Amino acid sequence: MTTQSLDPVLSSAAFWLVAALLVGQLANLVPPRWLATGQWRPPPPVDPRAGLPGIRLWKRWIPDAGGALPGGVPKASLVRRDPEALRRLVVETRRAELVHWLLWPAGLLSALWLPPEGVAVNLVFGTLFNVPCVLVQRFNRQRLRRCLGRIGV
């Protein structure tokens, strides 16, 4: 295998890394109040467990990149269980979902340098990478809301 034959793979990998960092950093600039008050609304809610059984089992294998960028918040575990911390995590699950909705169609940009087959591969990758992440954020948000309900908030 020559270096030239690896160019599409390497360029796609670099593209997804840069796109994820850029979109993640831009999402960190979205004021929490926009995400908390509904200025940005995700598509209509669906049962996150529908179509993907055992989400509690496989969600642990999805990396949490929330703390990877300055200003980011990891969502993998609850550090505090007070209402303020839980509300903040609800907001951060919305932010993470926004990132994955914005990243998903980014594969279309690979049409600038790849043939149609390469674009198709990137779109499949984008789907396989982003759909589970969106579902995990919705699942976690439902759990956080139930927790807030139990403590009377």
Protein backbone atom coordinates (compact mmCIF):
# COMPACT_ATOMS: atom_id res chain seq x y z
CA MET A 1 0.00 0.00 0.00
CA THR A 2 1.46 3.34 -1.04
CA THR A 3 1.30 6.59 0.84
CA GLN A 4 -0.84 8.03 -1.94
CA SER A 5 -3.45 5.29 -1.50
CA LEU A 6 -3.68 6.20 2.19
CA ASP A 7 -4.28 9.90 1.43
CA PRO A 8 -8.11 9.64 1.39
CA VAL A 9 -8.11 7.75 4.69
CA LEU A 10 -5.65 10.11 6.35
CA SER A 11 -7.39 13.21 5.01
CA SER A 12 -10.77 11.92 6.23
CA ALA A 13 -9.40 11.09 9.68
CA ALA A 14 -7.80 14.54 9.93
CA PHE A 15 -11.02 16.14 8.71
CA TRP A 16 -13.18 14.42 11.36
CA LEU A 17 -10.71 15.32 14.10
CA VAL A 18 -10.56 18.99 13.08
CA ALA A 19 -14.35 19.15 12.54
CA ALA A 20 -15.03 17.63 15.98
CA LEU A 21 -12.63 20.04 17.69
CA LEU A 22 -13.99 23.06 15.82
CA VAL A 23 -17.67 22.24 16.33
CA GLY A 24 -17.01 21.30 19.96
CA GLN A 25 -15.20 24.56 20.63
CA LEU A 26 -17.95 26.58 18.94
CA ALA A 27 -20.60 24.75 20.96
CA ASN A 28 -18.73 25.64 24.15
CA LEU A 29 -19.33 29.29 23.23
CA VAL A 30 -23.12 28.83 23.18
CA PRO A 31 -24.41 30.46 26.37
CA PRO A 32 -25.83 27.90 28.82
CA ARG A 33 -29.01 30.00 29.14
CA TRP A 34 -29.78 29.38 25.42
CA LEU A 35 -29.58 25.65 26.00
CA ALA A 36 -31.42 25.80 29.33
CA THR A 37 -34.29 28.03 28.23
CA GLY A 38 -34.97 26.37 24.92
CA GLN A 39 -33.44 28.89 22.52
CA TRP A 40 -32.11 25.80 20.75
CA ARG A 41 -34.44 22.85 20.69
CA PRO A 42 -33.36 19.43 19.53
CA PRO A 43 -35.65 17.56 17.14
CA PRO A 44 -38.79 16.13 18.76
CA PRO A 45 -38.07 13.67 21.57
CA VAL A 46 -38.01 10.00 20.82
CA ASP A 47 -37.56 7.11 23.17
CA PRO A 48 -33.75 6.78 23.12
CA ARG A 49 -34.04 3.07 23.81
CA ALA A 50 -36.23 2.50 20.75
CA GLY A 51 -34.28 0.61 18.12
CA LEU A 52 -31.15 0.28 20.24
CA PRO A 53 -31.77 -2.21 23.01
CA GLY A 54 -29.53 -2.35 26.00
CA ILE A 55 -28.44 1.30 25.85
CA ARG A 56 -27.36 1.06 29.48
CA LEU A 57 -24.94 -1.71 28.49
CA TRP A 58 -23.33 -0.15 25.42
CA LYS A 59 -23.35 3.54 26.36
CA ARG A 60 -20.33 3.07 28.61
CA TRP A 61 -18.25 2.31 25.49
CA ILE A 62 -19.00 5.76 24.02
CA PRO A 63 -16.19 8.14 24.95
CA ASP A 64 -17.05 11.35 26.79
CA ALA A 65 -15.15 14.18 25.12
CA GLY A 66 -16.92 16.86 27.17
CA GLY A 67 -13.78 17.69 29.13
CA ALA A 68 -11.45 17.54 26.12
CA LEU A 69 -11.74 21.23 25.27
CA PRO A 70 -11.37 24.32 27.44
CA GLY A 71 -14.75 25.16 28.93
CA GLY A 72 -16.10 21.68 28.28
CA VAL A 73 -17.88 19.63 30.93
CA PRO A 74 -17.50 15.85 31.19
CA LYS A 75 -20.84 14.09 31.39
CA ALA A 76 -19.72 10.55 32.14
CA SER A 77 -20.39 10.69 35.85
CA LEU A 78 -22.19 12.77 38.41
CA VAL A 79 -19.74 14.67 40.54
CA ARG A 80 -22.50 16.23 42.63
CA ARG A 81 -26.15 15.36 42.96
CA ASP A 82 -27.52 18.73 43.98
CA PRO A 83 -30.20 20.37 41.77
CA GLU A 84 -27.83 22.99 40.36
CA ALA A 85 -25.30 20.36 39.21
CA LEU A 86 -28.06 18.19 37.73
CA ARG A 87 -29.55 21.14 35.83
CA ARG A 88 -26.10 21.99 34.50
CA LEU A 89 -25.69 18.41 33.25
CA VAL A 90 -29.08 18.63 31.50
CA VAL A 91 -27.78 21.73 29.69
CA GLU A 92 -24.53 19.97 28.82
CA THR A 93 -26.39 16.98 27.37
CA ARG A 94 -28.18 19.46 25.10
CA ARG A 95 -24.84 21.01 24.14
CA ALA A 96 -23.38 17.57 23.36
CA GLU A 97 -26.43 16.65 21.31
CA LEU A 98 -26.10 19.92 19.37
CA VAL A 99 -22.46 19.07 18.61
CA HIS A 100 -23.40 15.68 17.23
CA TRP A 101 -26.29 17.07 15.16
CA LEU A 102 -23.88 19.62 13.65
CA LEU A 103 -21.12 17.07 13.07
CA TRP A 104 -23.34 14.53 11.38
CA PRO A 105 -23.70 16.30 8.01
CA ALA A 106 -20.09 17.46 8.07
CA GLY A 107 -19.19 14.40 6.01
CA LEU A 108 -20.72 16.20 3.03
CA LEU A 109 -17.74 18.56 3.08
CA SER A 110 -15.52 15.64 2.13
CA ALA A 111 -17.00 16.04 -1.38
CA LEU A 112 -14.48 18.86 -1.77
CA TRP A 113 -11.63 16.36 -2.05
CA LEU A 114 -13.04 12.85 -2.28
CA PRO A 115 -14.86 10.94 -5.01
CA PRO A 116 -18.52 10.02 -4.37
CA GLU A 117 -17.56 6.65 -2.85
CA GLY A 118 -15.34 8.40 -0.30
CA VAL A 119 -18.12 10.85 0.57
CA ALA A 120 -20.48 7.90 1.07
CA VAL A 121 -17.98 6.25 3.42
CA ASN A 122 -17.68 9.49 5.41
CA LEU A 123 -21.46 9.83 5.65
CA VAL A 124 -21.78 6.25 6.88
CA PHE A 125 -19.00 6.91 9.41
CA GLY A 126 -20.73 10.14 10.50
CA THR A 127 -23.97 8.26 11.02
CA LEU A 128 -22.40 5.38 12.91
CA PHE A 129 -20.45 7.81 15.09
CA ASN A 130 -23.08 10.47 15.80
CA VAL A 131 -26.42 8.63 16.11
CA PRO A 132 -25.38 6.60 19.17
CA CYS A 133 -23.98 9.76 20.78
CA VAL A 134 -27.28 11.63 20.25
CA LEU A 135 -29.21 8.70 21.71
CA VAL A 136 -26.93 8.52 24.75
CA GLN A 137 -27.38 12.26 25.42
CA ARG A 138 -31.17 11.90 25.22
CA PHE A 139 -31.09 8.85 27.46
CA ASN A 140 -28.91 10.65 30.02
CA ARG A 141 -31.11 13.76 29.88
CA GLN A 142 -34.20 11.67 30.64
CA ARG A 143 -32.44 10.08 33.59
CA LEU A 144 -31.33 13.49 34.90
CA ARG A 145 -34.86 14.85 34.58
CA ARG A 146 -36.23 11.86 36.52
CA CYS A 147 -33.60 12.45 39.19
CA LEU A 148 -34.57 16.14 39.41
CA GLY A 149 -38.23 15.09 39.68
CA ARG A 150 -37.46 12.73 42.55
CA ILE A 151 -35.79 15.49 44.53
CA GLY A 152 -38.73 17.79 43.87
CA VAL A 153 -37.23 20.21 41.35
